[in-house]
Amino acid sequence: MKRSDYMILAAAFLSFLFSVYLWFNGQQQEGLYVGIWVPSILAAGAYIKQISKP
């Protein structure tokens, strides 16, 4: 795995943690919104990895 892979995973994980934080602090709508960022970040990372292959 490259450094960029770790950065994408870290961004997705931080988004997940922020979503959980929002959910349990009474902001369920915002938590759901941020929670749908996780698969979007992972999909964007997979796409970028595919188009950058030689």
PDB file of N, CA and C in Angstrom:
ATOM      1  N   MET A   1       0.840  -1.184   0.000  1.00  0.00           N
ATOM      2  CA  MET A   1       0.000   0.000   0.000  1.00  0.00           C
ATOM      3  C   MET A   1       0.878   1.239   0.000  1.00  0.00           C
ATOM      4  N   LYS A   2       0.437   2.221  -0.746  1.00  0.00           N
ATOM      5  CA  LYS A   2       1.164   3.481  -0.847  1.00  0.00           C
ATOM      6  C   LYS A   2       0.674   4.456   0.220  1.00  0.00           C
ATOM      7  N   ARG A   3       1.412   5.536   0.341  1.00  0.00           N
ATOM      8  CA  ARG A   3       1.048   6.572   1.311  1.00  0.00           C
ATOM      9  C   ARG A   3      -0.322   7.165   0.994  1.00  0.00           C
ATOM     10  N   SER A   4      -0.625   7.311  -0.289  1.00  0.00           N
ATOM     11  CA  SER A   4      -1.919   7.874  -0.672  1.00  0.00           C
ATOM     12  C   SER A   4      -3.073   6.959  -0.252  1.00  0.00           C
ATOM     13  N   ASP A   5      -2.851   5.657  -0.273  1.00  0.00           N
ATOM     14  CA  ASP A   5      -3.878   4.719   0.183  1.00  0.00           C
ATOM     15  C   ASP A   5      -4.182   4.917   1.668  1.00  0.00           C
ATOM     16  N   TYR A   6      -3.128   5.106   2.438  1.00  0.00           N
ATOM     17  CA  TYR A   6      -3.311   5.338   3.872  1.00  0.00           C
ATOM     18  C   TYR A   6      -4.035   6.666   4.131  1.00  0.00           C
ATOM     19  N   MET A   7      -3.748   7.659   3.312  1.00  0.00           N
ATOM     20  CA  MET A   7      -4.412   8.953   3.494  1.00  0.00           C
ATOM     21  C   MET A   7      -5.904   8.859   3.176  1.00  0.00           C
ATOM     22  N   ILE A   8      -6.256   8.102   2.156  1.00  0.00           N
ATOM     23  CA  ILE A   8      -7.662   7.913   1.806  1.00  0.00           C
ATOM     24  C   ILE A   8      -8.380   7.152   2.917  1.00  0.00           C
ATOM     25  N   LEU A   9      -7.747   6.095   3.411  1.00  0.00           N
ATOM     26  CA  LEU A   9      -8.351   5.344   4.513  1.00  0.00           C
ATOM     27  C   LEU A   9      -8.488   6.202   5.765  1.00  0.00           C
ATOM     28  N   ALA A  10      -7.490   7.042   6.032  1.00  0.00           N
ATOM     29  CA  ALA A  10      -7.557   7.924   7.202  1.00  0.00           C
ATOM     30  C   ALA A  10      -8.691   8.933   7.054  1.00  0.00           C
ATOM     31  N   ALA A  11      -8.866   9.478   5.856  1.00  0.00           N
ATOM     32  CA  ALA A  11      -9.950  10.434   5.624  1.00  0.00           C
ATOM     33  C   ALA A  11     -11.307   9.769   5.824  1.00  0.00           C
ATOM     34  N   ALA A  12     -11.464   8.545   5.331  1.00  0.00           N
ATOM     35  CA  ALA A  12     -12.730   7.826   5.499  1.00  0.00           C
ATOM     36  C   ALA A  12     -12.972   7.509   6.972  1.00  0.00           C
ATOM     37  N   PHE A  13     -11.920   7.102   7.676  1.00  0.00           N
ATOM     38  CA  PHE A  13     -12.067   6.766   9.089  1.00  0.00           C
ATOM     39  C   PHE A  13     -12.399   8.001   9.921  1.00  0.00           C
ATOM     40  N   LEU A  14     -11.755   9.120   9.617  1.00  0.00           N
ATOM     41  CA  LEU A  14     -12.064  10.360  10.342  1.00  0.00           C
ATOM     42  C   LEU A  14     -13.493  10.816  10.069  1.00  0.00           C
ATOM     43  N   SER A  15     -13.951  10.631   8.857  1.00  0.00           N
ATOM     44  CA  SER A  15     -15.333  10.959   8.528  1.00  0.00           C
ATOM     45  C   SER A  15     -16.293  10.092   9.324  1.00  0.00           C
ATOM     46  N   PHE A  16     -15.962   8.817   9.432  1.00  0.00           N
ATOM     47  CA  PHE A  16     -16.782   7.900  10.225  1.00  0.00           C
ATOM     48  C   PHE A  16     -16.821   8.324  11.695  1.00  0.00           C
ATOM     49  N   LEU A  17     -15.671   8.641  12.243  1.00  0.00           N
ATOM     50  CA  LEU A  17     -15.617   9.064  13.646  1.00  0.00           C
ATOM     51  C   LEU A  17     -16.396  10.356  13.878  1.00  0.00           C
ATOM     52  N   PHE A  18     -16.296  11.296  12.951  1.00  0.00           N
ATOM     53  CA  PHE A  18     -17.035  12.552  13.067  1.00  0.00           C
ATOM     54  C   PHE A  18     -18.535  12.293  12.989  1.00  0.00           C
ATOM     55  N   SER A  19     -18.921  11.365  12.136  1.00  0.00           N
ATOM     56  CA  SER A  19     -20.332  11.003  12.010  1.00  0.00           C
ATOM     57  C   SER A  19     -20.865  10.408  13.318  1.00  0.00           C
ATOM     58  N   VAL A  20     -20.110   9.521  13.915  1.00  0.00           N
ATOM     59  CA  VAL A  20     -20.509   8.920  15.192  1.00  0.00           C
ATOM     60  C   VAL A  20     -20.583   9.977  16.278  1.00  0.00           C
ATOM     61  N   TYR A  21     -19.610  10.891  16.296  1.00  0.00           N
ATOM     62  CA  TYR A  21     -19.614  11.978  17.270  1.00  0.00           C
ATOM     63  C   TYR A  21     -20.880  12.824  17.142  1.00  0.00           C
ATOM     64  N   LEU A  22     -21.208  13.205  15.908  1.00  0.00           N
ATOM     65  CA  LEU A  22     -22.408  14.007  15.700  1.00  0.00           C
ATOM     66  C   LEU A  22     -23.663  13.254  16.120  1.00  0.00           C
ATOM     67  N   TRP A  23     -23.740  11.989  15.763  1.00  0.00           N
ATOM     68  CA  TRP A  23     -24.931  11.180  16.068  1.00  0.00           C
ATOM     69  C   TRP A  23     -25.180  11.132  17.573  1.00  0.00           C
ATOM     70  N   PHE A  24     -24.132  10.841  18.343  1.00  0.00           N
ATOM     71  CA  PHE A  24     -24.308  10.680  19.783  1.00  0.00           C
ATOM     72  C   PHE A  24     -24.350  12.000  20.542  1.00  0.00           C
ATOM     73  N   ASN A  25     -24.141  13.106  19.867  1.00  0.00           N
ATOM     74  CA  ASN A  25     -24.308  14.416  20.496  1.00  0.00           C
ATOM     75  C   ASN A  25     -25.620  15.068  20.092  1.00  0.00           C
ATOM     76  N   GLY A  26     -26.545  14.267  19.603  1.00  0.00           N
ATOM     77  CA  GLY A  26     -27.889  14.766  19.340  1.00  0.00           C
ATOM     78  C   GLY A  26     -28.108  15.392  17.983  1.00  0.00           C
ATOM     79  N   GLN A  27     -27.152  15.297  17.108  1.00  0.00           N
ATOM     80  CA  GLN A  27     -27.306  15.865  15.771  1.00  0.00           C
ATOM     81  C   GLN A  27     -27.382  14.713  14.762  1.00  0.00           C
ATOM     82  N   GLN A  28     -28.498  13.972  14.814  1.00  0.00           N
ATOM     83  CA  GLN A  28     -28.631  12.775  13.994  1.00  0.00           C
ATOM     84  C   GLN A  28     -28.619  13.078  12.497  1.00  0.00           C
ATOM     85  N   GLN A  29     -29.298  14.121  12.070  1.00  0.00           N
ATOM     86  CA  GLN A  29     -29.339  14.452  10.641  1.00  0.00           C
ATOM     87  C   GLN A  29     -27.940  14.769  10.102  1.00  0.00           C
ATOM     88  N   GLU A  30     -27.194  15.549  10.850  1.00  0.00           N
ATOM     89  CA  GLU A  30     -25.840  15.889  10.431  1.00  0.00           C
ATOM     90  C   GLU A  30     -24.940  14.657  10.457  1.00  0.00           C
ATOM     91  N   GLY A  31     -25.138  13.797  11.444  1.00  0.00           N
ATOM     92  CA  GLY A  31     -24.366  12.563  11.529  1.00  0.00           C
ATOM     93  C   GLY A  31     -24.610  11.645  10.342  1.00  0.00           C
ATOM     94  N   LEU A  32     -25.870  11.557   9.912  1.00  0.00           N
ATOM     95  CA  LEU A  32     -26.181  10.750   8.736  1.00  0.00           C
ATOM     96  C   LEU A  32     -25.544  11.343   7.483  1.00  0.00           C
ATOM     97  N   TYR A  33     -25.592  12.656   7.368  1.00  0.00           N
ATOM     98  CA  TYR A  33     -25.007  13.321   6.206  1.00  0.00           C
ATOM     99  C   TYR A  33     -23.504  13.060   6.122  1.00  0.00           C
ATOM    100  N   VAL A  34     -22.834  13.236   7.234  1.00  0.00           N
ATOM    101  CA  VAL A  34     -21.388  13.000   7.241  1.00  0.00           C
ATOM    102  C   VAL A  34     -21.098  11.511   7.056  1.00  0.00           C
ATOM    103  N   GLY A  35     -21.967  10.652   7.543  1.00  0.00           N
ATOM    104  CA  GLY A  35     -21.768   9.209   7.400  1.00  0.00           C
ATOM    105  C   GLY A  35     -21.787   8.744   5.957  1.00  0.00           C
ATOM    106  N   ILE A  36     -22.527   9.438   5.096  1.00  0.00           N
ATOM    107  CA  ILE A  36     -22.539   9.010   3.697  1.00  0.00           C
ATOM    108  C   ILE A  36     -21.295   9.488   2.944  1.00  0.00           C
ATOM    109  N   TRP A  37     -20.449  10.267   3.600  1.00  0.00           N
ATOM    110  CA  TRP A  37     -19.179  10.643   2.988  1.00  0.00           C
ATOM    111  C   TRP A  37     -18.230   9.457   2.910  1.00  0.00           C
ATOM    112  N   VAL A  38     -18.321   8.527   3.852  1.00  0.00           N
ATOM    113  CA  VAL A  38     -17.361   7.421   3.941  1.00  0.00           C
ATOM    114  C   VAL A  38     -17.295   6.622   2.633  1.00  0.00           C
ATOM    115  N   PRO A  39     -18.411   6.076   2.133  1.00  0.00           N
ATOM    116  CA  PRO A  39     -18.288   5.330   0.875  1.00  0.00           C
ATOM    117  C   PRO A  39     -17.903   6.219  -0.308  1.00  0.00           C
ATOM    118  N   SER A  40     -18.272   7.499  -0.250  1.00  0.00           N
ATOM    119  CA  SER A  40     -17.888   8.414  -1.328  1.00  0.00           C
ATOM    120  C   SER A  40     -16.380   8.631  -1.347  1.00  0.00           C
ATOM    121  N   ILE A  41     -15.785   8.790  -0.182  1.00  0.00           N
ATOM    122  CA  ILE A  41     -14.337   8.967  -0.091  1.00  0.00           C
ATOM    123  C   ILE A  41     -13.621   7.716  -0.582  1.00  0.00           C
ATOM    124  N   LEU A  42     -14.100   6.549  -0.166  1.00  0.00           N
ATOM    125  CA  LEU A  42     -13.465   5.300  -0.592  1.00  0.00           C
ATOM    126  C   LEU A  42     -13.625   5.077  -2.093  1.00  0.00           C
ATOM    127  N   ALA A  43     -14.790   5.396  -2.630  1.00  0.00           N
ATOM    128  CA  ALA A  43     -15.011   5.243  -4.066  1.00  0.00           C
ATOM    129  C   ALA A  43     -14.125   6.203  -4.858  1.00  0.00           C
ATOM    130  N   ALA A  44     -14.019   7.440  -4.399  1.00  0.00           N
ATOM    131  CA  ALA A  44     -13.158   8.402  -5.079  1.00  0.00           C
ATOM    132  C   ALA A  44     -11.702   7.947  -5.033  1.00  0.00           C
ATOM    133  N   GLY A  45     -11.286   7.400  -3.910  1.00  0.00           N
ATOM    134  CA  GLY A  45      -9.924   6.887  -3.804  1.00  0.00           C
ATOM    135  C   GLY A  45      -9.675   5.723  -4.743  1.00  0.00           C
ATOM    136  N   ALA A  46     -10.639   4.814  -4.861  1.00  0.00           N
ATOM    137  CA  ALA A  46     -10.491   3.684  -5.782  1.00  0.00           C
ATOM    138  C   ALA A  46     -10.439   4.165  -7.223  1.00  0.00           C
ATOM    139  N   TYR A  47     -11.255   5.152  -7.544  1.00  0.00           N
ATOM    140  CA  TYR A  47     -11.256   5.707  -8.901  1.00  0.00           C
ATOM    141  C   TYR A  47      -9.918   6.356  -9.228  1.00  0.00           C
ATOM    142  N   ILE A  48      -9.423   7.165  -8.320  1.00  0.00           N
ATOM    143  CA  ILE A  48      -8.139   7.830  -8.541  1.00  0.00           C
ATOM    144  C   ILE A  48      -7.029   6.801  -8.689  1.00  0.00           C
ATOM    145  N   LYS A  49      -7.080   5.755  -7.900  1.00  0.00           N
ATOM    146  CA  LYS A  49      -6.057   4.712  -7.986  1.00  0.00           C
ATOM    147  C   LYS A  49      -6.127   3.996  -9.340  1.00  0.00           C
ATOM    148  N   GLN A  50      -7.322   3.788  -9.854  1.00  0.00           N
ATOM    149  CA  GLN A  50      -7.487   3.122 -11.151  1.00  0.00           C
ATOM    150  C   GLN A  50      -6.981   3.982 -12.304  1.00  0.00           C
ATOM    151  N   ILE A  51      -7.268   5.267 -12.286  1.00  0.00           N
ATOM    152  CA  ILE A  51      -6.864   6.101 -13.413  1.00  0.00           C
ATOM    153  C   ILE A  51      -5.387   6.462 -13.361  1.00  0.00           C
ATOM    154  N   SER A  52      -4.745   6.299 -12.206  1.00  0.00           N
ATOM    155  CA  SER A  52      -3.328   6.643 -12.106  1.00  0.00           C
ATOM    156  C   SER A  52      -2.426   5.452 -12.397  1.00  0.00           C
ATOM    157  N   LYS A  53      -2.996   4.299 -12.699  1.00  0.00           N
ATOM    158  CA  LYS A  53      -2.153   3.134 -13.046  1.00  0.00           C
ATOM    159  C   LYS A  53      -1.512   3.362 -14.411  1.00  0.00           C
ATOM    160  N   PRO A  54      -0.241   2.958 -14.543  1.00  0.00           N
ATOM    161  CA  PRO A  54       0.437   3.140 -15.841  1.00  0.00           C
ATOM    162  C   PRO A  54      -0.059   2.165 -16.899  1.00  0.00           C
TER     163      PRO A  54
END
